[in-house]
Protein backbone atom coordinates (compact mmCIF):
# COMPACT_ATOMS: atom_id res chain seq x y z
CA MET A 1 0.00 0.00 0.00
CA GLY A 2 2.86 2.36 0.85
CA ILE A 3 3.14 5.35 3.14
CA GLY A 4 0.12 7.58 2.91
CA ALA A 5 -2.23 4.84 1.68
CA PHE A 6 -2.91 3.50 5.16
CA ASP A 7 -4.46 5.35 8.11
CA LEU A 8 -2.83 3.98 11.24
CA GLU A 9 -5.01 6.16 13.45
CA GLN A 10 -8.04 4.26 12.19
CA PHE A 11 -6.32 0.88 12.43
CA THR A 12 -7.87 -1.34 15.10
CA GLY A 13 -5.97 -4.61 14.65
CA ASN A 14 -6.59 -7.14 17.37
CA GLY A 15 -3.88 -6.02 19.75
CA ARG A 16 -4.22 -4.21 23.05
CA THR A 17 -5.26 -0.55 23.19
CA ASN A 18 -3.51 2.21 25.08
CA SER A 19 -5.09 4.75 27.44
CA ASN A 20 -6.32 6.78 24.46
CA GLY A 21 -8.14 3.81 23.00
CA HIS A 22 -5.72 3.50 20.07
CA TRP A 23 -4.21 0.23 18.89
CA ARG A 24 -1.06 -0.65 20.82
CA PRO A 25 1.52 -3.06 19.36
CA ALA A 26 2.12 -6.13 21.52
CA GLY A 27 5.45 -7.00 19.88
CA VAL A 28 7.57 -6.63 16.75
CA VAL A 29 8.85 -9.25 14.32
CA VAL A 30 11.78 -8.33 12.04
CA ASP A 31 13.38 -10.17 9.17
CA LEU A 32 17.18 -10.22 9.23
CA ASP A 33 18.79 -9.83 5.77
CA GLY A 34 17.56 -6.74 3.97
CA THR A 35 15.58 -5.56 6.98
CA LEU A 36 17.76 -5.46 10.09
CA ILE A 37 21.15 -5.92 8.39
CA ASP A 38 22.47 -4.63 5.08
CA PRO A 39 24.34 -6.65 2.40
CA GLN A 40 27.56 -6.29 4.43
CA GLU A 41 25.79 -7.62 7.56
CA ARG A 42 25.91 -4.22 9.23
CA ILE A 43 23.31 -2.65 11.52
CA SER A 44 23.27 1.14 11.38
CA TRP A 45 23.60 3.07 14.64
CA ARG A 46 20.13 4.56 14.24
CA VAL A 47 18.54 1.17 13.62
CA LEU A 48 20.37 -0.41 16.55
CA GLN A 49 19.37 2.32 19.01
CA THR A 50 15.74 2.23 17.86
CA LEU A 51 15.66 -1.55 18.01
CA ARG A 52 17.02 -1.56 21.56
CA ALA A 53 14.55 1.13 22.63
CA THR A 54 11.69 -0.97 21.26
CA ALA A 55 12.95 -4.16 22.89
CA ARG A 56 12.94 -2.43 26.28
CA ARG A 57 9.20 -1.88 25.90
CA ILE A 58 7.83 -4.92 24.03
CA PRO A 59 9.16 -8.25 22.73
CA VAL A 60 11.17 -8.07 19.50
CA ILE A 61 11.59 -11.28 17.50
CA ILE A 62 13.98 -11.90 14.62
CA ALA A 63 12.59 -14.36 12.05
CA SER A 64 15.19 -15.47 9.53
CA GLY A 65 16.11 -18.22 7.12
CA ARG A 66 19.61 -18.16 8.59
CA GLU A 67 21.10 -20.70 10.93
CA PRO A 68 20.55 -20.33 14.69
CA LYS A 69 23.99 -18.99 15.58
CA ASP A 70 23.51 -16.00 13.27
CA VAL A 71 20.06 -15.24 14.67
CA VAL A 72 21.34 -15.53 18.24
CA ARG A 73 24.32 -13.29 17.46
CA PHE A 74 22.20 -10.46 16.08
CA ALA A 75 19.57 -10.90 18.80
CA ARG A 76 22.24 -10.41 21.43
CA ILE A 77 23.60 -7.33 19.65
CA GLY A 78 20.09 -5.88 19.74
CA GLY A 79 19.49 -6.81 23.37
CA LEU A 80 16.63 -9.13 22.45
CA ARG A 81 15.55 -11.71 25.04
CA SER A 82 12.36 -13.21 23.58
CA PRO A 83 12.42 -16.51 21.66
CA GLN A 84 13.80 -16.01 18.15
CA VAL A 85 13.15 -17.82 14.86
CA SER A 86 15.80 -19.32 12.56
CA ASP A 87 15.90 -21.95 9.78
CA ASN A 88 13.05 -20.20 7.93
CA GLY A 89 10.70 -21.07 10.76
CA ALA A 90 11.87 -24.61 11.49
CA ARG A 91 13.63 -23.65 14.72
CA ILE A 92 12.82 -21.48 17.73
CA VAL A 93 15.85 -20.53 19.82
CA ASP A 94 16.53 -18.90 23.17
CA PRO A 95 18.91 -15.97 22.47
CA CYS A 96 20.20 -15.94 26.03
CA SER A 97 21.40 -19.56 26.17
CA GLY A 98 21.62 -20.15 22.43
CA ARG A 99 19.71 -23.40 22.87
CA THR A 100 16.91 -24.69 20.70
CA ILE A 101 13.43 -24.49 22.21
CA GLU A 102 11.64 -26.34 19.41
CA GLU A 103 12.56 -27.67 15.97
CA THR A 104 10.83 -29.41 13.08
CA ALA A 105 13.01 -31.46 10.74
CA LEU A 106 12.41 -32.74 7.25
CA PHE A 107 11.72 -36.45 6.90
CA GLU A 108 14.94 -38.21 5.89
CA ALA A 109 13.49 -39.55 2.63
CA ASP A 110 12.30 -36.08 1.66
CA CYS A 111 15.61 -34.53 2.61
CA ARG A 112 17.52 -37.02 0.47
CA ARG A 113 15.22 -36.42 -2.48
CA VAL A 114 15.58 -32.63 -2.28
CA LEU A 115 19.36 -32.96 -2.17
CA GLU A 116 19.26 -35.30 -5.17
CA ILE A 117 17.31 -32.66 -7.12
CA LEU A 118 19.83 -29.98 -6.20
CA ASP A 119 22.73 -32.23 -7.18
CA ARG A 120 21.11 -33.01 -10.53
CA GLU A 121 20.66 -29.30 -11.20
CA SER A 122 24.21 -28.50 -9.96
CA VAL A 123 22.82 -26.14 -7.33
CA THR A 124 24.85 -25.35 -4.22
CA PHE A 125 23.11 -25.38 -0.85
CA PHE A 126 23.42 -24.59 2.81
CA ALA A 127 21.56 -26.68 5.39
CA VAL A 128 21.12 -26.87 9.16
CA GLU A 129 21.23 -30.13 11.08
CA GLN A 130 20.78 -29.90 14.86
CA GLU A 131 22.15 -26.33 14.93
CA ARG A 132 25.14 -27.24 12.69
CA GLY A 133 25.61 -25.51 9.37
CA ILE A 134 26.49 -27.90 6.53
CA HIS A 135 27.39 -27.46 2.87
CA HIS A 136 27.92 -31.03 1.70
CA VAL A 137 25.83 -34.19 1.90
CA SER A 138 28.83 -35.98 3.40
CA ASP A 139 28.60 -33.63 6.42
CA ILE A 140 25.13 -34.90 7.38
CA LEU A 141 25.28 -37.15 10.44
CA ASN A 142 21.76 -38.21 11.40
CA TRP A 143 19.46 -36.64 8.76
CA LYS A 144 17.64 -34.36 11.21
CA VAL A 145 17.85 -31.46 8.78
CA THR A 146 15.55 -28.52 9.47
CA VAL A 147 16.17 -26.36 6.41
CA ILE A 148 17.94 -26.62 3.06
CA ALA A 149 18.67 -23.25 1.45
CA ALA A 150 19.52 -23.64 -2.23
CA ARG A 151 21.19 -20.82 -4.14
CA ALA A 152 19.42 -20.35 -7.46
CA ARG A 153 21.06 -18.76 -10.49
CA ASP A 154 18.13 -16.38 -10.88
CA GLU A 155 14.45 -16.02 -10.04
CA ARG A 156 13.43 -18.32 -12.90
CA GLN A 157 15.50 -21.18 -11.52
CA GLY A 158 14.15 -20.41 -8.07
CA ASP A 159 10.61 -20.87 -9.36
CA LEU A 160 11.62 -24.11 -11.08
CA LEU A 161 13.15 -25.46 -7.86
CA CYS A 162 9.97 -24.59 -5.96
CA ARG A 163 7.92 -26.52 -8.53
CA SER A 164 10.30 -29.49 -8.37
CA VAL A 165 8.87 -30.54 -4.99
CA LEU A 166 5.18 -30.11 -5.77
CA GLY A 167 4.81 -33.90 -5.72
CA MET A 168 6.27 -34.09 -2.21
CA PRO A 169 3.37 -33.32 0.17
CA MET A 170 5.54 -33.07 3.29
CA VAL A 171 7.97 -30.53 1.82
CA SER A 172 7.52 -26.78 1.58
CA ALA A 173 9.60 -24.60 -0.76
CA VAL A 174 9.64 -20.80 -0.71
CA LYS A 175 11.97 -18.40 -2.47
CA SER A 176 13.76 -15.45 -0.93
CA THR A 177 16.34 -12.85 -1.93
CA SER A 178 19.59 -11.59 -0.49
CA ALA A 179 19.75 -8.23 1.28
CA ASP A 180 20.76 -6.49 -1.96
CA GLY A 181 18.10 -8.31 -3.98
CA LEU A 182 20.69 -9.69 -6.39
CA GLN A 183 20.76 -13.32 -5.25
CA TRP A 184 17.90 -15.80 -5.15
CA PHE A 185 17.43 -18.67 -2.73
CA VAL A 186 14.88 -21.44 -2.20
CA ASN A 187 14.27 -22.63 1.35
CA PHE A 188 13.09 -26.23 1.71
CA THR A 189 11.47 -27.21 5.02
CA HIS A 190 8.86 -29.57 6.42
CA SER A 191 5.44 -28.72 4.99
CA THR A 192 4.16 -27.48 8.36
CA VAL A 193 6.99 -24.96 8.58
CA ASP A 194 7.15 -21.33 7.56
CA LYS A 195 7.94 -18.10 9.33
CA GLY A 196 4.27 -17.39 9.98
CA ALA A 197 3.71 -20.72 11.72
CA ALA A 198 6.83 -20.14 13.84
CA ILE A 199 5.57 -16.70 14.88
CA ARG A 200 2.26 -18.23 15.93
CA ARG A 201 4.21 -20.66 18.10
CA VAL A 202 6.42 -17.94 19.62
CA ALA A 203 3.30 -15.90 20.34
CA ALA A 204 1.78 -18.89 22.14
CA LEU A 205 4.97 -19.41 24.16
CA THR A 206 5.07 -15.76 25.23
CA GLY A 207 1.34 -15.14 25.65
CA ILE A 208 1.04 -12.64 22.80
CA ASP A 209 -1.89 -12.40 20.41
CA PRO A 210 -0.26 -12.63 16.93
CA ALA A 211 -2.73 -10.02 15.68
CA GLY A 212 -1.05 -7.53 18.01
CA LEU A 213 2.32 -8.01 16.32
CA VAL A 214 3.96 -5.68 13.81
CA VAL A 215 6.03 -7.51 11.19
CA ILE A 216 8.69 -5.88 9.02
CA GLY A 217 10.21 -7.81 6.12
CA ASP A 218 11.47 -7.65 2.56
CA SER A 219 11.03 -10.96 0.77
CA TYR A 220 8.66 -13.74 -0.26
CA ASN A 221 9.41 -15.90 2.77
CA ASP A 222 8.08 -13.06 4.94
CA LEU A 223 4.60 -13.17 3.39
CA SER A 224 3.41 -15.93 5.71
CA MET A 225 4.11 -13.52 8.58
CA PHE A 226 2.17 -10.77 6.82
CA ASN A 227 -0.83 -13.13 7.00
CA VAL A 228 -0.35 -13.82 10.72
CA CYS A 229 0.59 -10.47 12.25
CA GLY A 230 -1.77 -7.55 12.72
CA LEU A 231 0.28 -4.90 10.92
CA SER A 232 2.67 -5.69 8.05
CA ILE A 233 5.40 -3.34 6.84
CA ALA A 234 7.54 -3.96 3.75
CA MET A 235 11.01 -2.58 3.23
CA GLY A 236 11.59 -0.34 0.23
CA GLY A 237 13.97 -2.88 -1.30
CA ALA A 238 11.35 -5.63 -1.33
CA PRO A 239 9.97 -6.91 -4.65
CA ALA A 240 6.94 -4.96 -5.85
CA ASP A 241 4.52 -7.84 -5.27
CA VAL A 242 5.74 -8.17 -1.67
CA ARG A 243 5.29 -4.46 -1.07
CA ALA A 244 1.80 -4.66 -2.55
CA LEU A 245 0.75 -7.18 0.10
CA ALA A 246 1.92 -5.09 3.07
CA HIS A 247 -0.12 -2.47 4.91
CA LEU A 248 2.80 -0.02 4.72
CA THR A 249 6.14 0.48 3.00
CA VAL A 250 9.21 2.19 4.49
CA PRO A 251 12.61 3.00 2.91
CA SER A 252 15.20 0.33 2.16
CA VAL A 253 17.67 -1.15 4.63
CA THR A 254 20.43 1.23 3.44
CA GLU A 255 18.11 4.15 4.24
CA ASP A 256 17.33 2.95 7.79
CA GLY A 257 13.84 1.80 6.86
CA LEU A 258 13.54 -0.39 9.95
CA ALA A 259 14.31 2.57 12.23
CA GLU A 260 11.67 4.64 10.43
CA ALA A 261 9.12 1.85 10.86
CA LEU A 262 9.78 1.60 14.58
CA GLU A 263 10.01 5.36 15.14
CA THR A 264 6.82 6.10 13.20
CA TYR A 265 4.52 3.14 13.67
CA VAL A 266 5.60 1.41 16.88
CA LEU A 267 7.25 3.56 19.54
CA PRO A 268 4.66 6.40 19.46
CA LYS A 269 1.92 3.81 19.99
CA LEU A 270 3.55 2.59 23.20
CA LEU A 271 3.06 5.89 25.03
């Protein structure tokens, strides 16, 4: 919809209300690459200070396709203490201890078949098995793999890889982009897994109504969260069809879009 096409003062959501009767965010969910961090994995000073100020008031949850150690690292930098989401929704982690709270792995047969498809197409991949990052099939120890992230040559190949598992009912495939929008990935997980489902679970663990959450993201694998959370905000660098499905759009990650989202649409509502 974009800035100016959405009247936040008239937004009711399903979250709590403040003393003025206006909608009050119950928590914030942020994507990592392209939202919190830029292509060089940097967090601007403005974004960091705004993120920390928000986290002192309400829960802030990172939801990323990255492995748990990366999510935990950035959660600690931001001073976040709520359960966090990694592995494109297949894992919920405690940022304080670094330990897994819950995980959902692919079935071994499905995992093997996905890897066979990637090998046939000469596609490189990154996967997570019990919190370990792996790049080669020979590194897999017990086949409890939660996510396989394949690097596609372009969006067309990403779409083809997504379609390659349509006959596998227990596998989900969703594409995503790098922070600069130049690289395409396909994330393969168990069919019950996506970021939206993980946020529902985190909300249940923390006693938050998901409809009271604000979500900020920039790619296709964030759309499931747009459907779960009460208020969705797309980054300016997101694909046009992702931006079209959000309530609001803010500037790109290199223009501190996340800070603007929090400063404009979250922190004033907590007064």
